[in-house]
Amino acid sequence: MQVIKYVFQPHGDERGQLVALEEFKDIPFKIKRVYYMYDTATGVIRGFHAHKSLQQILICIHGSCKIRLDNGKEKKVVPLEKPYEGLYVSNNMWREMYDFSPDAVLMVLASELYDELDYIRSYEEFLEFVKNCRDTTIVEGAV
């Protein structure tokens, strides 16, 4: 499993900037759900889960935050600070979102509709789950 930090193509002029995202072009899956987090209180850590099949792109469209990723073998912290960067998070990846700036808005593009049965909310269950999956690697790079 890979986690890749995408750099999306901003288009701008004297009026401002625009980023357009298209499924299977800029986003490697069909987008079935979009949600966002904002007004996150200082010191709050969100996430604490993985997914069995869901894929996501996380974009901090305003402000900044950090994403702690864990594939069961290695851990990595990825900052999200620019509205034209997106972090691809595949399934079988434990995630924690934290260190939100007061103005942070974290948008998530998801490959599936909400399904509680797809969540792994216990870290111990997650470690057991990924033990039976193919080898996973955390990779960061621009696309």
Protein backbone atom coordinates (compact mmCIF):
# COMPACT_ATOMS: atom_id res chain seq x y z
CA MET A 1 0.00 0.00 0.00
CA GLN A 2 1.27 3.45 -0.86
CA VAL A 3 0.53 6.88 0.51
CA ILE A 4 1.37 9.62 -1.97
CA LYS A 5 1.34 13.38 -1.54
CA TYR A 6 -0.13 14.86 -4.72
CA VAL A 7 0.51 18.39 -5.94
CA PHE A 8 -2.54 19.51 -7.91
CA GLN A 9 -2.27 22.04 -10.73
CA PRO A 10 -3.45 25.47 -9.57
CA HIS A 11 -4.75 27.86 -12.23
CA GLY A 12 -4.66 31.53 -11.43
CA ASP A 13 -4.48 35.08 -12.55
CA GLU A 14 -5.13 38.50 -11.01
CA ARG A 15 -8.58 37.25 -9.86
CA GLY A 16 -7.14 34.48 -7.67
CA GLN A 17 -6.45 30.75 -7.75
CA LEU A 18 -8.55 27.75 -8.76
CA VAL A 19 -7.86 24.02 -8.40
CA ALA A 20 -10.09 21.59 -10.30
CA LEU A 21 -10.07 17.89 -9.36
CA GLU A 22 -11.46 15.13 -11.56
CA GLU A 23 -11.96 11.50 -10.64
CA PHE A 24 -9.57 9.08 -12.38
CA LYS A 25 -7.54 12.05 -13.63
CA ASP A 26 -6.39 13.95 -10.54
CA ILE A 27 -8.01 11.57 -8.03
CA PRO A 28 -7.24 7.84 -8.49
CA PHE A 29 -10.79 6.69 -7.73
CA LYS A 30 -14.47 7.55 -8.24
CA ILE A 31 -15.47 10.14 -5.64
CA LYS A 32 -18.56 8.96 -3.77
CA ARG A 33 -18.37 11.16 -0.67
CA VAL A 34 -16.93 14.55 0.28
CA TYR A 35 -16.74 15.92 3.81
CA TYR A 36 -14.66 18.44 5.72
CA MET A 37 -13.58 19.31 9.24
CA TYR A 38 -13.22 22.82 10.62
CA ASP A 39 -13.20 24.69 13.94
CA THR A 40 -11.15 21.87 15.42
CA ALA A 41 -10.26 22.80 19.00
CA THR A 42 -6.62 23.24 19.98
CA GLY A 43 -4.99 19.96 20.99
CA VAL A 44 -7.69 17.73 19.47
CA ILE A 45 -6.54 14.63 17.59
CA ARG A 46 -9.02 13.14 15.11
CA GLY A 47 -9.09 9.87 13.26
CA PHE A 48 -7.74 6.94 15.27
CA HIS A 49 -8.95 4.45 12.68
CA ALA A 50 -8.23 2.62 9.43
CA HIS A 51 -10.46 1.33 6.65
CA LYS A 52 -10.72 -2.13 5.14
CA SER A 53 -11.38 -0.92 1.59
CA LEU A 54 -11.99 2.88 1.54
CA GLN A 55 -9.48 5.16 -0.21
CA GLN A 56 -9.21 8.87 0.56
CA ILE A 57 -7.55 12.08 -0.52
CA LEU A 58 -7.04 14.58 2.33
CA ILE A 59 -6.65 18.25 1.38
CA CYS A 60 -6.17 21.04 3.91
CA ILE A 61 -7.93 23.68 1.82
CA HIS A 62 -7.30 26.38 4.45
CA GLY A 63 -4.75 26.59 7.24
CA SER A 64 -2.64 23.56 8.12
CA CYS A 65 -2.62 20.26 9.96
CA LYS A 66 -0.53 17.11 10.28
CA ILE A 67 -1.45 13.54 9.40
CA ARG A 68 0.19 10.66 11.28
CA LEU A 69 0.16 7.52 9.13
CA ASP A 70 0.87 3.98 10.28
CA ASN A 71 0.83 0.89 8.07
CA GLY A 72 1.57 -1.49 10.94
CA LYS A 73 5.32 -1.54 10.23
CA GLU A 74 6.35 2.09 9.89
CA LYS A 75 4.97 5.47 10.90
CA LYS A 76 5.26 8.82 9.18
CA VAL A 77 3.98 12.35 9.81
CA VAL A 78 2.92 14.30 6.73
CA PRO A 79 2.16 18.03 7.02
CA LEU A 80 -0.64 19.46 4.90
CA GLU A 81 -0.09 23.20 4.49
CA LYS A 82 -1.09 24.13 0.93
CA PRO A 83 -4.57 24.04 -0.64
CA TYR A 84 -3.16 22.50 -3.83
CA GLU A 85 -1.64 19.46 -2.05
CA GLY A 86 -3.53 16.28 -1.37
CA LEU A 87 -2.52 13.22 0.61
CA TYR A 88 -3.67 9.89 -0.81
CA VAL A 89 -4.48 7.44 1.97
CA SER A 90 -5.16 3.93 0.82
CA ASN A 91 -7.08 1.35 2.80
CA ASN A 92 -5.30 -0.58 5.56
CA MET A 93 -3.63 2.62 6.82
CA TRP A 94 -4.10 3.89 10.39
CA ARG A 95 -4.52 7.66 10.42
CA GLU A 96 -4.54 10.42 13.00
CA MET A 97 -5.09 14.08 12.14
CA TYR A 98 -3.73 16.68 14.58
CA ASP A 99 -2.00 20.02 15.10
CA PHE A 100 -4.80 21.89 13.31
CA SER A 101 -4.21 25.61 12.88
CA PRO A 102 -7.15 27.69 14.22
CA ASP A 103 -8.29 28.38 10.63
CA ALA A 104 -7.80 24.83 9.29
CA VAL A 105 -10.35 23.26 6.97
CA LEU A 106 -9.50 19.65 6.13
CA MET A 107 -11.49 18.28 3.19
CA VAL A 108 -11.70 14.55 2.50
CA LEU A 109 -12.60 12.94 -0.83
CA ALA A 110 -13.67 9.32 -0.30
CA SER A 111 -14.03 6.39 -2.68
CA GLU A 112 -17.08 4.94 -0.91
CA LEU A 113 -20.20 6.07 0.90
CA TYR A 114 -20.10 5.97 4.70
CA ASP A 115 -20.11 2.36 5.98
CA GLU A 116 -19.38 1.75 9.66
CA LEU A 117 -18.50 -1.89 8.84
CA ASP A 118 -15.51 -0.67 6.78
CA TYR A 119 -13.92 1.03 9.82
CA ILE A 120 -11.24 -0.52 12.01
CA ARG A 121 -11.38 1.48 15.24
CA SER A 122 -9.16 -0.69 17.45
CA TYR A 123 -5.41 -0.37 16.92
CA GLU A 124 -4.87 -3.97 18.00
CA GLU A 125 -7.49 -5.16 15.48
CA PHE A 126 -5.78 -3.01 12.83
CA LEU A 127 -2.39 -4.65 13.50
CA GLU A 128 -3.97 -8.09 13.18
CA PHE A 129 -5.77 -7.05 9.99
CA VAL A 130 -2.65 -5.71 8.23
CA LYS A 131 -0.63 -8.75 9.28
CA ASN A 132 -2.75 -10.69 6.77
CA CYS A 133 -2.46 -8.08 3.98
CA ARG A 134 0.22 -7.64 1.35
CA ASP A 135 3.36 -5.74 2.26
CA THR A 136 2.73 -2.01 2.73
CA THR A 137 5.05 0.91 2.23
CA ILE A 138 4.64 4.60 2.95
CA VAL A 139 5.83 6.70 0.01
CA GLU A 140 5.72 10.47 -0.34
CA GLY A 141 6.20 12.18 -3.68
CA ALA A 142 4.78 14.81 -6.01
CA VAL A 143 2.58 13.79 -8.90
